[in-house]
N, C-alpha and C. Protein backbone atom coordinates (compact mmCIF):
# COMPACT_ATOMS: atom_id res chain seq x y z
N MET A 1 65.81 171.22 52.99
CA MET A 1 64.99 171.47 53.42
C MET A 1 65.62 171.68 54.54
N GLN A 2 64.44 173.33 55.58
CA GLN A 2 65.63 173.55 56.81
C GLN A 2 64.70 173.40 58.18
N GLU A 3 65.07 172.60 58.62
CA GLU A 3 64.29 172.00 59.94
C GLU A 3 64.98 172.99 61.14
N GLU A 4 63.78 172.86 62.47
CA GLU A 4 64.58 173.68 63.83
C GLU A 4 64.63 172.23 64.34
N ASN A 5 66.30 172.46 64.99
CA ASN A 5 66.75 170.83 65.24
C ASN A 5 67.59 171.24 66.54
N SER A 6 68.10 170.85 68.02
CA SER A 6 68.39 171.32 69.19
C SER A 6 69.88 171.01 69.64
N ILE A 7 69.93 169.89 68.11
CA ILE A 7 71.51 169.93 67.97
C ILE A 7 72.23 170.71 67.09
N ARG A 8 73.28 171.77 67.02
CA ARG A 8 74.01 172.38 67.10
C ARG A 8 75.06 172.51 66.82
N TYR A 9 75.63 171.49 67.61
CA TYR A 9 77.63 171.40 66.85
C TYR A 9 77.21 169.52 66.91
N CYS A 10 78.35 169.48 66.33
CA CYS A 10 79.27 168.24 66.22
C CYS A 10 79.77 167.12 67.50
N PRO A 11 78.85 165.99 68.05
CA PRO A 11 79.41 165.35 69.03
C PRO A 11 80.12 164.54 68.58
N GLN A 12 81.35 164.40 67.83
CA GLN A 12 81.89 164.16 67.83
C GLN A 12 83.67 164.71 67.91
N CYS A 13 83.78 166.45 67.83
CA CYS A 13 84.44 166.85 66.92
C CYS A 13 84.00 168.77 67.48
N ALA A 14 83.23 168.17 68.30
CA ALA A 14 82.95 170.55 68.06
C ALA A 14 82.53 171.31 67.22
N THR A 15 82.36 170.74 65.95
CA THR A 15 82.29 171.66 64.90
C THR A 15 80.91 172.32 65.03
N GLU A 16 80.62 173.35 64.52
CA GLU A 16 78.98 173.85 64.01
C GLU A 16 78.82 173.10 63.08
N LEU A 17 77.67 172.49 63.33
CA LEU A 17 77.20 172.36 62.00
C LEU A 17 76.95 172.82 60.74
N ARG A 18 76.87 172.53 59.80
CA ARG A 18 75.99 173.56 58.45
C ARG A 18 75.26 173.03 57.45
N TRP A 19 74.15 173.62 57.28
CA TRP A 19 73.81 172.92 56.49
C TRP A 19 73.67 172.28 55.04
N ILE A 20 74.10 171.17 54.91
CA ILE A 20 75.04 170.56 53.86
C ILE A 20 73.68 169.94 52.99
N GLU A 21 74.04 169.88 51.35
CA GLU A 21 73.63 169.45 50.73
C GLU A 21 74.13 167.80 50.28
N SER A 22 74.24 166.57 50.03
CA SER A 22 75.20 165.53 49.61
C SER A 22 74.54 164.61 49.14
N GLN A 23 75.13 163.69 48.76
CA GLN A 23 74.48 162.66 47.81
C GLN A 23 73.81 161.33 48.50
N GLU A 24 72.78 161.15 48.52
CA GLU A 24 72.42 159.96 48.90
C GLU A 24 72.08 158.98 48.40
N ASP A 25 71.43 157.91 48.84
CA ASP A 25 70.50 156.41 48.22
C ASP A 25 69.54 157.31 47.62
N SER A 26 69.07 158.66 47.96
CA SER A 26 67.56 158.94 46.88
C SER A 26 67.53 159.86 46.18
N GLY A 27 69.12 160.56 46.64
CA GLY A 27 69.23 161.36 45.79
C GLY A 27 69.76 162.56 46.21
N LEU A 28 69.98 164.41 46.12
CA LEU A 28 70.89 164.96 47.39
C LEU A 28 69.74 165.71 47.89
N VAL A 29 70.74 165.19 49.01
CA VAL A 29 69.56 165.78 50.45
C VAL A 29 70.73 166.43 51.30
N GLN A 30 69.75 167.28 51.96
CA GLN A 30 70.26 168.67 52.90
C GLN A 30 69.71 168.47 53.74
N ARG A 31 70.97 168.54 54.94
CA ARG A 31 70.88 167.17 56.77
C ARG A 31 72.51 168.37 56.86
N LEU A 32 71.68 168.11 58.16
CA LEU A 32 72.85 169.28 59.29
C LEU A 32 74.64 167.79 59.10
N ARG A 33 75.44 168.55 58.69
CA ARG A 33 75.94 167.87 58.89
C ARG A 33 77.55 168.56 59.55
N CYS A 34 78.88 167.76 59.66
CA CYS A 34 79.52 168.53 60.16
C CYS A 34 81.04 169.30 59.09
N PRO A 35 81.64 170.00 59.15
CA PRO A 35 81.99 169.90 57.12
C PRO A 35 83.90 169.91 58.24
N ALA A 36 83.47 168.96 59.21
CA ALA A 36 84.83 168.83 58.98
C ALA A 36 85.45 167.47 59.42
N CYS A 37 84.89 166.96 60.18
CA CYS A 37 85.18 165.46 60.23
C CYS A 37 83.50 164.86 58.99
N HIS A 38 82.15 165.00 58.63
CA HIS A 38 81.69 164.83 57.68
C HIS A 38 80.47 164.03 58.37
N TRP A 39 80.11 163.65 60.26
CA TRP A 39 79.25 163.97 60.97
C TRP A 39 78.09 163.96 59.80
N THR A 40 76.84 163.30 60.43
CA THR A 40 75.66 163.78 59.55
C THR A 40 74.46 163.08 60.07
N HIS A 41 73.87 164.88 60.95
CA HIS A 41 72.72 164.16 62.19
C HIS A 41 71.62 163.43 61.58
N TRP A 42 71.22 163.06 61.50
CA TRP A 42 69.80 161.91 60.31
C TRP A 42 68.54 162.16 61.30
N ASN A 43 68.05 163.25 61.76
CA ASN A 43 66.82 163.82 63.09
C ASN A 43 65.40 162.16 62.12
N ASN A 44 65.82 161.56 62.28
CA ASN A 44 65.26 160.31 62.63
C ASN A 44 64.25 160.36 64.49
N PRO A 45 63.27 159.74 63.75
CA PRO A 45 62.06 159.85 64.40
C PRO A 45 62.37 159.01 65.83
N THR A 46 61.31 160.03 66.25
CA THR A 46 61.29 158.76 68.40
C THR A 46 60.68 158.18 68.33
N PRO A 47 60.60 156.33 68.41
CA PRO A 47 59.83 155.58 68.87
C PRO A 47 58.84 156.27 69.98
N VAL A 48 57.46 156.47 70.05
CA VAL A 48 56.70 156.95 71.17
C VAL A 48 55.40 155.74 71.14
N LEU A 49 55.67 155.37 72.61
CA LEU A 49 54.79 155.00 73.11
C LEU A 49 53.07 154.80 73.67
N ALA A 50 52.60 154.96 73.31
CA ALA A 50 50.81 155.10 73.65
C ALA A 50 49.76 154.08 74.11
N ALA A 51 48.84 154.35 74.67
CA ALA A 51 47.54 152.84 75.09
C ALA A 51 46.24 153.51 74.91
N VAL A 52 45.24 153.21 74.07
CA VAL A 52 43.97 152.94 75.13
C VAL A 52 44.28 152.27 76.19
N VAL A 53 43.97 153.05 77.49
CA VAL A 53 43.57 151.83 78.80
C VAL A 53 42.43 151.62 78.84
N GLU A 54 41.67 150.70 78.94
CA GLU A 54 40.46 150.18 79.36
C GLU A 54 40.69 149.47 80.82
N LEU A 55 39.90 150.07 81.30
CA LEU A 55 38.99 149.97 83.50
C LEU A 55 38.22 149.75 82.95
N GLU A 56 37.47 148.44 83.35
CA GLU A 56 36.42 148.79 83.65
C GLU A 56 35.45 148.58 82.41
N GLY A 57 35.57 148.07 81.58
CA GLY A 57 34.60 149.02 80.27
C GLY A 57 34.62 149.76 80.03
N ARG A 58 35.41 151.23 80.69
CA ARG A 58 35.56 152.22 80.26
C ARG A 58 37.09 152.62 79.88
N ILE A 59 37.76 154.07 79.37
CA ILE A 59 38.30 154.30 78.45
C ILE A 59 38.86 154.92 79.19
N LEU A 60 40.06 155.33 79.71
CA LEU A 60 40.60 156.26 80.82
C LEU A 60 41.63 157.44 79.72
N LEU A 61 41.29 158.44 80.09
CA LEU A 61 41.99 159.95 79.15
C LEU A 61 42.26 160.64 80.38
N ALA A 62 43.90 161.32 79.82
CA ALA A 62 44.15 161.64 81.31
C ALA A 62 45.35 163.17 80.53
N ARG A 63 44.53 164.21 81.63
CA ARG A 63 46.00 165.62 80.82
C ARG A 63 46.68 165.82 82.24
N ASN A 64 47.62 165.38 81.11
CA ASN A 64 49.04 166.06 81.02
C ASN A 64 49.50 166.48 82.30
N ALA A 65 49.91 167.54 83.61
CA ALA A 65 49.86 168.70 83.73
C ALA A 65 50.79 169.93 82.77
N LEU A 66 51.81 169.10 81.93
CA LEU A 66 51.88 171.22 80.84
C LEU A 66 51.57 170.52 79.63
N TRP A 67 49.43 170.13 79.75
CA TRP A 67 48.99 170.79 78.58
C TRP A 67 48.13 172.08 80.21
N THR A 68 47.87 172.76 79.38
CA THR A 68 47.17 173.37 79.87
C THR A 68 45.87 174.37 79.46
N ASP A 69 45.54 174.24 78.14
CA ASP A 69 44.18 173.13 77.44
C ASP A 69 43.22 173.63 77.85
N GLY A 70 43.38 171.82 78.44
CA GLY A 70 42.19 171.18 79.15
C GLY A 70 42.11 169.85 78.50
N PHE A 71 42.95 169.70 77.31
CA PHE A 71 42.66 168.82 77.05
C PHE A 71 43.40 167.33 77.42
N PHE A 72 42.00 165.82 77.35
CA PHE A 72 42.56 164.10 77.34
C PHE A 72 43.00 164.13 76.20
N GLY A 73 44.08 163.12 76.79
CA GLY A 73 44.80 161.89 75.84
C GLY A 73 44.86 160.74 75.99
N LEU A 74 45.98 160.06 75.29
CA LEU A 74 46.50 158.69 75.86
C LEU A 74 46.91 158.59 77.05
N ILE A 75 47.36 157.95 77.12
CA ILE A 75 48.52 157.68 78.22
C ILE A 75 49.75 157.68 77.11
N THR A 76 51.37 158.17 77.78
CA THR A 76 52.18 157.65 76.42
C THR A 76 53.65 157.87 77.40
N GLY A 77 53.74 157.94 77.04
CA GLY A 77 55.92 158.00 76.74
C GLY A 77 56.92 157.00 76.44
N PHE A 78 58.06 157.35 77.00
CA PHE A 78 59.06 156.65 75.67
C PHE A 78 59.52 156.10 76.06
N MET A 79 60.93 154.78 75.70
CA MET A 79 60.97 153.49 75.40
C MET A 79 62.38 153.64 76.20
N GLU A 80 62.34 152.96 77.56
CA GLU A 80 63.82 153.15 77.71
C GLU A 80 64.82 151.94 77.57
N ALA A 81 65.71 152.17 78.28
CA ALA A 81 66.98 151.68 76.72
C ALA A 81 67.22 150.01 77.05
N ARG A 82 66.95 149.14 76.56
CA ARG A 82 66.67 147.88 75.80
C ARG A 82 66.14 147.62 76.45
N GLU A 83 64.25 147.91 76.46
CA GLU A 83 62.91 147.45 76.80
C GLU A 83 62.29 147.08 75.59
N ASN A 84 61.74 146.45 75.55
CA ASN A 84 60.60 146.18 74.34
C ASN A 84 59.63 147.05 74.41
N PRO A 85 58.65 147.32 73.71
CA PRO A 85 57.44 147.78 73.40
C PRO A 85 56.28 148.09 74.50
N GLU A 86 56.09 146.57 74.68
CA GLU A 86 55.34 145.99 75.13
C GLU A 86 55.89 146.23 76.72
N GLU A 87 57.28 146.13 76.95
CA GLU A 87 57.48 146.64 78.27
C GLU A 87 57.37 148.02 78.31
N GLY A 88 58.00 148.29 77.79
CA GLY A 88 57.57 149.73 78.24
C GLY A 88 56.28 150.37 77.81
N ILE A 89 55.04 150.13 77.58
CA ILE A 89 53.81 150.71 77.55
C ILE A 89 53.50 150.22 78.74
N ALA A 90 53.32 149.05 78.98
CA ALA A 90 53.57 148.36 80.53
C ALA A 90 53.85 148.98 82.23
N ARG A 91 54.77 149.85 81.58
CA ARG A 91 55.50 150.43 83.09
C ARG A 91 55.32 151.70 83.07
N GLU A 92 54.97 152.52 81.89
CA GLU A 92 53.72 153.62 81.14
C GLU A 92 53.32 153.69 82.45
N ILE A 93 52.24 152.66 81.93
CA ILE A 93 50.75 152.57 82.16
C ILE A 93 51.07 152.22 83.77
N ARG A 94 51.46 151.81 84.57
CA ARG A 94 52.23 151.74 86.27
C ARG A 94 52.25 152.16 85.94
N GLU A 95 52.98 153.35 85.68
CA GLU A 95 53.69 154.67 86.87
C GLU A 95 53.14 156.23 86.61
N GLU A 96 51.89 156.31 85.48
CA GLU A 96 51.37 156.84 85.57
C GLU A 96 50.28 157.13 85.88
N THR A 97 49.17 155.50 86.54
CA THR A 97 48.10 155.89 86.75
C THR A 97 47.88 154.34 87.83
N ASN A 98 49.23 153.43 88.41
CA ASN A 98 48.98 153.11 89.01
C ASN A 98 48.25 151.41 88.84
N LEU A 99 47.67 151.86 87.46
CA LEU A 99 47.41 150.29 87.41
C LEU A 99 48.11 149.28 85.89
N GLU A 100 47.69 147.87 86.61
CA GLU A 100 48.63 146.72 86.14
C GLU A 100 47.75 146.38 85.16
N THR A 101 48.84 146.51 84.14
CA THR A 101 48.44 145.25 82.85
C THR A 101 47.95 144.33 82.26
N GLU A 102 46.29 143.75 82.27
CA GLU A 102 46.59 142.98 82.41
C GLU A 102 46.64 141.33 80.85
N HIS A 103 46.45 142.83 79.72
CA HIS A 103 46.62 142.15 78.05
C HIS A 103 46.94 143.38 77.86
N LEU A 104 47.42 143.15 76.37
CA LEU A 104 47.90 144.31 75.48
C LEU A 104 47.70 143.66 74.24
N GLU A 105 47.25 144.40 73.08
CA GLU A 105 47.38 144.66 72.09
C GLU A 105 47.28 145.40 70.83
N LEU A 106 49.07 145.38 69.89
CA LEU A 106 49.39 146.06 69.02
C LEU A 106 47.91 146.78 68.59
N ILE A 107 47.57 147.96 68.64
CA ILE A 107 46.78 149.16 67.58
C ILE A 107 47.08 149.17 65.68
N GLY A 108 48.68 149.88 66.46
CA GLY A 108 49.32 150.33 65.23
C GLY A 108 50.36 151.36 65.49
N ALA A 109 50.88 151.65 64.68
CA ALA A 109 51.61 152.22 64.41
C ALA A 109 51.38 153.67 63.42
N TYR A 110 51.90 154.95 64.28
CA TYR A 110 51.15 156.13 62.71
C TYR A 110 52.41 156.97 62.87
N GLY A 111 52.65 158.22 62.23
CA GLY A 111 53.20 159.31 61.42
C GLY A 111 52.69 159.88 62.73
N PHE A 112 54.17 160.89 63.59
CA PHE A 112 53.50 162.79 64.44
C PHE A 112 54.43 163.23 63.51
N ALA A 113 54.12 163.59 62.40
CA ALA A 113 55.43 164.43 61.89
C ALA A 113 55.75 165.69 62.82
N ARG A 114 54.87 166.66 62.65
CA ARG A 114 55.27 167.39 64.18
C ARG A 114 55.69 167.96 64.82
N ARG A 115 56.54 166.63 65.00
CA ARG A 115 56.92 166.48 66.87
C ARG A 115 58.04 165.38 66.49
N ASN A 116 58.15 165.27 65.39
CA ASN A 116 58.98 163.81 64.29
C ASN A 116 59.03 162.51 65.30
N GLN A 117 57.53 162.58 66.13
CA GLN A 117 58.00 161.08 66.27
C GLN A 117 56.88 159.77 65.37
N VAL A 118 57.34 158.82 65.46
CA VAL A 118 56.25 157.51 65.49
C VAL A 118 55.78 157.04 66.70
N ILE A 119 54.24 157.01 66.56
CA ILE A 119 53.49 156.42 67.70
C ILE A 119 52.78 155.13 67.32
N ILE A 120 53.41 154.01 68.52
CA ILE A 120 53.34 152.87 68.66
C ILE A 120 52.39 152.48 69.54
N ALA A 121 50.89 152.13 69.18
CA ALA A 121 50.07 152.54 69.86
C ALA A 121 49.31 150.74 70.57
N TYR A 122 49.46 150.91 71.64
CA TYR A 122 48.76 149.76 72.19
C TYR A 122 46.25 149.70 73.30
N HIS A 123 46.46 148.66 72.91
CA HIS A 123 45.49 148.30 73.75
C HIS A 123 45.26 148.25 74.84
N ALA A 124 45.06 148.35 75.71
CA ALA A 124 45.69 147.58 77.15
C ALA A 124 44.47 147.99 77.79
N ARG A 125 44.55 146.39 78.60
CA ARG A 125 43.18 145.85 79.25
C ARG A 125 43.73 146.19 80.99
N ALA A 126 43.79 146.98 81.70
CA ALA A 126 43.66 147.59 82.47
C ALA A 126 42.81 147.07 84.07
N ARG A 127 43.19 146.91 84.75
CA ARG A 127 43.06 146.29 86.47
C ARG A 127 43.81 147.33 87.63
N GLY A 128 43.15 147.76 88.69
CA GLY A 128 43.85 148.09 89.20
C GLY A 128 42.49 149.57 90.02
N THR A 129 43.56 150.63 90.86
CA THR A 129 43.01 151.62 91.52
C THR A 129 44.26 152.96 91.03
N VAL A 130 42.82 153.80 90.36
CA VAL A 130 43.88 154.62 89.16
C VAL A 130 44.02 155.25 90.33
N LYS A 131 45.57 156.08 90.61
CA LYS A 131 46.31 157.00 91.24
C LYS A 131 47.22 157.60 90.43
N LEU A 132 47.04 158.61 89.79
CA LEU A 132 47.71 159.56 89.15
C LEU A 132 49.21 160.06 89.51
N SER A 133 50.65 159.93 88.70
CA SER A 133 52.01 160.91 89.21
C SER A 133 51.91 162.38 89.11
N PRO A 134 52.58 162.70 90.04
CA PRO A 134 52.97 164.26 88.94
C PRO A 134 52.70 164.83 87.68
N GLU A 135 53.22 164.11 87.33
CA GLU A 135 53.03 163.98 85.62
C GLU A 135 52.01 164.35 84.92
N LEU A 136 50.95 163.40 85.95
CA LEU A 136 49.31 163.52 84.86
C LEU A 136 48.27 164.37 86.20
N VAL A 137 47.16 165.13 85.95
CA VAL A 137 46.89 165.98 87.41
C VAL A 137 45.23 165.92 87.27
N GLU A 138 44.76 164.70 86.42
CA GLU A 138 43.14 164.68 85.82
C GLU A 138 43.11 163.38 85.21
N TYR A 139 42.08 162.95 85.60
CA TYR A 139 41.99 161.82 84.38
C TYR A 139 39.93 161.67 84.11
N ARG A 140 39.88 160.82 83.48
CA ARG A 140 38.80 160.66 83.07
C ARG A 140 37.98 159.32 82.31
N LEU A 141 36.78 158.63 83.03
CA LEU A 141 36.68 157.29 82.26
C LEU A 141 36.63 157.86 81.59
N ILE A 142 35.01 156.78 80.29
CA ILE A 142 34.37 157.10 79.73
C ILE A 142 33.91 155.93 79.24
N LYS A 143 32.42 155.41 78.69
CA LYS A 143 32.24 154.37 77.88
C LYS A 143 33.43 154.68 76.61
N PRO A 144 33.77 153.55 76.37
CA PRO A 144 33.80 153.83 74.45
C PRO A 144 32.75 154.81 73.27
N ALA A 145 31.28 154.38 73.59
CA ALA A 145 30.59 155.11 72.92
C ALA A 145 30.41 156.55 72.64
N LYS A 146 31.12 156.64 74.54
CA LYS A 146 31.09 158.86 74.52
C LYS A 146 32.61 159.14 73.61
N VAL A 147 33.83 158.05 73.77
CA VAL A 147 34.41 158.88 73.81
C VAL A 147 34.33 159.51 72.30
N ARG A 148 34.90 161.05 72.33
CA ARG A 148 35.67 162.01 71.36
C ARG A 148 36.69 161.67 71.07
N CYS A 149 36.93 161.77 70.23
CA CYS A 149 38.54 161.70 69.50
C CYS A 149 38.86 162.50 68.77
N TRP A 150 40.56 162.92 68.82
CA TRP A 150 41.49 164.19 68.28
C TRP A 150 41.77 163.57 66.80
N THR A 151 42.43 164.15 65.58
CA THR A 151 42.70 164.33 64.93
C THR A 151 43.56 163.67 64.03
N SER A 152 44.65 163.83 64.78
CA SER A 152 46.05 163.66 64.65
C SER A 152 47.00 162.98 66.00
N GLY A 153 48.04 162.65 65.70
CA GLY A 153 48.44 161.66 66.74
C GLY A 153 48.17 160.37 67.11
N THR A 154 47.76 160.18 68.32
CA THR A 154 47.40 159.45 68.71
C THR A 154 45.50 159.26 69.13
N GLY A 155 45.40 160.16 68.53
CA GLY A 155 44.05 160.47 68.23
C GLY A 155 43.30 159.04 66.94
N GLN A 156 44.87 159.16 66.52
CA GLN A 156 43.89 158.09 65.56
C GLN A 156 43.96 156.67 65.80
N ALA A 157 44.63 156.21 66.54
CA ALA A 157 45.07 154.76 67.47
C ALA A 157 43.67 154.49 67.94
N LEU A 158 43.66 155.07 68.81
CA LEU A 158 42.14 155.19 69.31
C LEU A 158 40.52 155.70 68.19
N GLN A 159 40.86 156.05 67.42
CA GLN A 159 39.49 155.87 66.59
C GLN A 159 40.35 154.45 65.72
N LYS A 160 40.79 154.27 65.53
CA LYS A 160 40.87 152.77 65.30
C LYS A 160 40.34 151.40 65.47
N TRP A 161 40.97 151.96 67.79
CA TRP A 161 40.25 150.68 68.15
C TRP A 161 38.97 151.36 68.54
N LEU A 162 38.15 152.04 68.35
CA LEU A 162 36.84 152.90 68.50
C LEU A 162 36.32 152.08 67.04
N ARG A 163 36.16 151.88 66.09
CA ARG A 163 36.29 151.32 64.83
C ARG A 163 35.91 149.51 65.09
N SER A 164 36.77 149.18 66.09
CA SER A 164 37.57 147.84 65.67
C SER A 164 36.17 147.17 66.89
N GLN A 165 36.78 148.51 67.81
CA GLN A 165 34.83 147.36 68.46
C GLN A 165 33.11 147.93 67.99
N GLY A 166 33.08 148.24 66.97
CA GLY A 166 32.50 148.07 66.69
C GLY A 166 31.54 149.74 66.77
N HIS A 167 32.50 150.73 67.01
CA HIS A 167 32.07 151.98 67.31
C HIS A 167 32.05 152.86 66.01
N THR A 168 31.03 154.23 65.95
CA THR A 168 31.42 154.79 65.04
C THR A 168 32.20 156.23 65.45
N PRO A 169 33.44 156.87 65.81
CA PRO A 169 33.84 157.60 66.70
C PRO A 169 34.11 159.31 65.90
N GLU A 170 33.39 160.53 66.91
CA GLU A 170 32.94 161.30 67.10
C GLU A 170 34.74 161.96 67.02
N VAL A 171 35.22 163.13 65.50
CA VAL A 171 36.64 163.28 65.51
C VAL A 171 36.41 165.08 65.41
N TYR A 172 37.36 164.88 66.33
CA TYR A 172 37.46 167.37 66.14
C TYR A 172 39.18 167.26 66.15
N GLU A 173 39.20 168.58 65.14
CA GLU A 173 40.13 169.36 64.81
C GLU A 173 39.88 169.24 67.76
N ARG A 174 41.66 169.52 67.35
CA ARG A 174 41.54 169.35 69.10
C ARG A 174 41.90 170.42 70.12
N GLU A 175 41.41 171.97 69.39
CA GLU A 175 40.84 173.34 69.98
C GLU A 175 39.28 172.89 70.09
N GLU A 176 38.87 172.85 69.11
CA GLU A 176 37.51 172.21 69.08
C GLU A 176 36.89 171.02 70.12
N LEU A 177 38.21 170.02 70.37
CA LEU A 177 36.95 169.22 71.19
C LEU A 177 37.64 169.52 72.80
N VAL A 178 38.92 170.40 73.04
CA VAL A 178 38.58 170.77 74.12
C VAL A 178 37.65 171.22 74.85
N ARG A 179 36.70 172.54 73.61
CA ARG A 179 35.51 172.99 73.22
C ARG A 179 34.08 172.58 74.83
N LEU A 180 34.23 171.65 73.81
CA LEU A 180 33.36 170.25 73.64
C LEU A 180 33.35 170.26 74.77
N GLU A 181 34.66 169.34 74.82
CA GLU A 181 34.72 168.12 76.46
C GLU A 181 34.62 169.18 78.09
N ALA A 182 35.26 170.36 77.38
CA ALA A 182 35.11 171.12 78.48
C ALA A 182 33.35 170.66 79.64
N GLY A 183 32.75 170.34 79.37
CA GLY A 183 31.76 170.89 80.35
C GLY A 183 31.08 169.30 79.70
N LEU A 184 31.77 168.87 79.50
CA LEU A 184 31.38 167.03 80.09
C LEU A 184 31.17 166.17 81.13
N ARG A 185 30.19 165.47 81.11
CA ARG A 185 30.20 165.41 82.91
C ARG A 185 29.95 163.47 82.95
N VAL A 186 31.30 162.34 83.22
CA VAL A 186 30.75 161.10 83.27
C VAL A 186 30.24 160.28 84.27
N GLU A 187 29.16 160.17 83.73
CA GLU A 187 28.69 159.21 84.42
C GLU A 187 29.42 157.79 85.79
N PRO A 188 29.08 158.12 86.81
CA PRO A 188 29.85 157.78 88.27
C PRO A 188 29.69 156.22 87.82
């Protein structure tokens, strides 16, 4: 199975990596391997943290500066070295929104194969005044009953949390959701 990878050379000996089939516990597997020193690029999924942030009874959805399609999503980020997931998501919430986390509860872990990630999602009850980092350009605070969900990635966590609160989420593909949300006005 050939995938796109950003790694091209062996980090141990600098030889160009090749797709080589080799016997593993699960059988013959093709991976990027070094023909010189036999180093293997495992291409393991990257853990990503996500939070359904609840502020004063509303859900905070934010638009990343890189999302030019107008999509609003959960607060997400990567763990730092020597940081546990709870510390990591509380830090991400603080860095990206200026909010302090009062309570965290694990929602679940979700595979996001398209980006080779595993999403570890939390519900975070937060307090404070929203002040976005430069990474985020806009946010919305939406009553849980009015939140519309997306099908993949962090959308699965949002759906699960909404169901746990007694709501039946509306679920859309990302492109359709962006069109629907373009005219959304949130009550003050």
